[in-house]
Amino acid sequence: MNIYVGNFTDQMNETSLREMFEAFGEVQSAKIIKDRYTGRSKGFGFVEMPSNSEADQAIKALNKKFIDGKTIKVNPADSGGKKKKPFKRRRF
């Protein structure tokens, strides 16, 4: 399951993000999204966990948890991709 983690501080790195979720089970990957020009964290990232039950436990335990002076947000990530626009017929 792909998990969105947001609203964390600049001090969070991928290793600490991974360790936070490894307390609940196996972590395939942990990625912090960074600004392309400055290289600084944008304050959110994604964690991939192969087990859905372990991921659900992590989400319930970590969502709205106070870490490094901020309340983080943890929830299942959107599947991504662009959403289709409804088809509109053009009248002539």
C-alpha atoms as a PDB file:
ATOM      1  CA  MET A   1       0.000   0.000   0.000  1.00  0.00           C
ATOM      2  CA  ASN A   2       1.250   3.467  -0.844  1.00  0.00           C
ATOM      3  CA  ILE A   3       0.945   5.889   2.093  1.00  0.00           C
ATOM      4  CA  TYR A   4       1.011   9.698   2.003  1.00  0.00           C
ATOM      5  CA  VAL A   5       2.835  11.402   4.882  1.00  0.00           C
ATOM      6  CA  GLY A   6       2.554  15.171   5.107  1.00  0.00           C
ATOM      7  CA  ASN A   7       3.184  18.238   7.228  1.00  0.00           C
ATOM      8  CA  PHE A   8       6.542  17.193   8.645  1.00  0.00           C
ATOM      9  CA  THR A   9       9.546  19.412   9.354  1.00  0.00           C
ATOM     10  CA  ASP A  10      12.650  20.027   7.242  1.00  0.00           C
ATOM     11  CA  GLN A  11      14.673  17.919   9.688  1.00  0.00           C
ATOM     12  CA  MET A  12      12.877  14.719   8.595  1.00  0.00           C
ATOM     13  CA  ASN A  13      14.966  12.591   6.239  1.00  0.00           C
ATOM     14  CA  GLU A  14      14.187   9.370   4.366  1.00  0.00           C
ATOM     15  CA  THR A  15      15.970   7.224   6.952  1.00  0.00           C
ATOM     16  CA  SER A  16      13.957   8.593   9.874  1.00  0.00           C
ATOM     17  CA  LEU A  17      10.748   8.339   7.845  1.00  0.00           C
ATOM     18  CA  ARG A  18      11.508   4.671   7.081  1.00  0.00           C
ATOM     19  CA  GLU A  19      12.335   3.927  10.737  1.00  0.00           C
ATOM     20  CA  MET A  20       9.082   5.497  11.906  1.00  0.00           C
ATOM     21  CA  PHE A  21       7.087   3.065   9.728  1.00  0.00           C
ATOM     22  CA  GLU A  22       9.312   0.002  10.287  1.00  0.00           C
ATOM     23  CA  ALA A  23       7.920  -0.170  13.830  1.00  0.00           C
ATOM     24  CA  PHE A  24       4.716  -1.468  12.194  1.00  0.00           C
ATOM     25  CA  GLY A  25       6.191  -3.849   9.603  1.00  0.00           C
ATOM     26  CA  GLU A  26       8.212  -4.143   6.415  1.00  0.00           C
ATOM     27  CA  VAL A  27       8.822  -0.973   4.420  1.00  0.00           C
ATOM     28  CA  GLN A  28       9.600  -1.298   0.706  1.00  0.00           C
ATOM     29  CA  SER A  29      10.487   2.341   0.168  1.00  0.00           C
ATOM     30  CA  ALA A  30      10.364   5.769   1.801  1.00  0.00           C
ATOM     31  CA  LYS A  31      10.639   8.907  -0.348  1.00  0.00           C
ATOM     32  CA  ILE A  32      10.584  12.559   0.658  1.00  0.00           C
ATOM     33  CA  ILE A  33       9.560  14.965  -2.090  1.00  0.00           C
ATOM     34  CA  LYS A  34      12.079  17.771  -2.560  1.00  0.00           C
ATOM     35  CA  ASP A  35      12.052  21.084  -4.380  1.00  0.00           C
ATOM     36  CA  ARG A  36      13.777  20.710  -7.724  1.00  0.00           C
ATOM     37  CA  TYR A  37      15.706  23.978  -7.466  1.00  0.00           C
ATOM     38  CA  THR A  38      16.639  24.256  -3.784  1.00  0.00           C
ATOM     39  CA  GLY A  39      16.777  20.557  -2.849  1.00  0.00           C
ATOM     40  CA  ARG A  40      14.828  21.271   0.340  1.00  0.00           C
ATOM     41  CA  SER A  41      11.993  19.078   1.524  1.00  0.00           C
ATOM     42  CA  LYS A  42       8.496  20.154   0.494  1.00  0.00           C
ATOM     43  CA  GLY A  43       7.146  18.750   3.785  1.00  0.00           C
ATOM     44  CA  PHE A  44       5.580  15.577   2.438  1.00  0.00           C
ATOM     45  CA  GLY A  45       6.532  12.154   1.168  1.00  0.00           C
ATOM     46  CA  PHE A  46       5.403   8.607   0.491  1.00  0.00           C
ATOM     47  CA  VAL A  47       6.003   5.253   2.152  1.00  0.00           C
ATOM     48  CA  GLU A  48       5.350   1.938   0.399  1.00  0.00           C
ATOM     49  CA  MET A  49       4.439  -1.052   2.587  1.00  0.00           C
ATOM     50  CA  PRO A  50       3.703  -4.475   1.017  1.00  0.00           C
ATOM     51  CA  SER A  51       1.265  -5.586   3.739  1.00  0.00           C
ATOM     52  CA  ASN A  52      -2.058  -3.734   3.777  1.00  0.00           C
ATOM     53  CA  SER A  53      -2.809  -4.747   7.382  1.00  0.00           C
ATOM     54  CA  GLU A  54       0.549  -3.399   8.602  1.00  0.00           C
ATOM     55  CA  ALA A  55       0.018  -0.228   6.576  1.00  0.00           C
ATOM     56  CA  ASP A  56      -3.436   0.274   8.113  1.00  0.00           C
ATOM     57  CA  GLN A  57      -1.962  -0.105  11.606  1.00  0.00           C
ATOM     58  CA  ALA A  58       0.728   2.455  10.814  1.00  0.00           C
ATOM     59  CA  ILE A  59      -1.817   4.916   9.410  1.00  0.00           C
ATOM     60  CA  LYS A  60      -4.054   4.627  12.490  1.00  0.00           C
ATOM     61  CA  ALA A  61      -1.129   4.987  14.901  1.00  0.00           C
ATOM     62  CA  LEU A  62       0.745   7.818  13.175  1.00  0.00           C
ATOM     63  CA  ASN A  63      -2.029  10.027  11.768  1.00  0.00           C
ATOM     64  CA  LYS A  64      -2.248  13.319  13.700  1.00  0.00           C
ATOM     65  CA  LYS A  65       0.816  12.411  15.770  1.00  0.00           C
ATOM     66  CA  PHE A  66       2.907  15.325  17.080  1.00  0.00           C
ATOM     67  CA  ILE A  67       6.477  14.948  15.753  1.00  0.00           C
ATOM     68  CA  ASP A  68       9.234  17.589  15.905  1.00  0.00           C
ATOM     69  CA  GLY A  69       6.756  20.357  16.733  1.00  0.00           C
ATOM     70  CA  LYS A  70       4.237  19.565  13.981  1.00  0.00           C
ATOM     71  CA  THR A  71       1.179  17.355  13.672  1.00  0.00           C
ATOM     72  CA  ILE A  72       1.773  15.008  10.745  1.00  0.00           C
ATOM     73  CA  LYS A  73      -0.911  13.734   8.386  1.00  0.00           C
ATOM     74  CA  VAL A  74      -0.834  10.077   7.368  1.00  0.00           C
ATOM     75  CA  ASN A  75      -3.355   8.465   5.005  1.00  0.00           C
ATOM     76  CA  PRO A  76      -3.541   6.139   2.005  1.00  0.00           C
ATOM     77  CA  ALA A  77      -2.094   7.818  -1.068  1.00  0.00           C
ATOM     78  CA  ASP A  78      -4.279   8.622  -4.047  1.00  0.00           C
ATOM     79  CA  SER A  79      -3.706   6.226  -6.920  1.00  0.00           C
ATOM     80  CA  GLY A  80      -2.454   9.179  -8.940  1.00  0.00           C
ATOM     81  CA  GLY A  81      -2.853   9.893 -12.583  1.00  0.00           C
ATOM     82  CA  LYS A  82      -4.994  12.494 -14.201  1.00  0.00           C
ATOM     83  CA  LYS A  83      -8.699  12.306 -13.673  1.00  0.00           C
ATOM     84  CA  LYS A  84     -10.872  12.103 -16.731  1.00  0.00           C
ATOM     85  CA  LYS A  85     -12.966  15.093 -17.574  1.00  0.00           C
ATOM     86  CA  PRO A  86     -16.587  14.368 -18.290  1.00  0.00           C
ATOM     87  CA  PHE A  87     -17.400  14.227 -21.968  1.00  0.00           C
ATOM     88  CA  LYS A  88     -19.289  17.308 -23.144  1.00  0.00           C
ATOM     89  CA  ARG A  89     -20.989  17.408 -26.463  1.00  0.00           C
ATOM     90  CA  ARG A  90     -20.474  20.505 -28.455  1.00  0.00           C
ATOM     91  CA  ARG A  91     -23.508  22.131 -29.952  1.00  0.00           C
ATOM     92  CA  PHE A  92     -23.199  23.813 -33.295  1.00  0.00           C
END
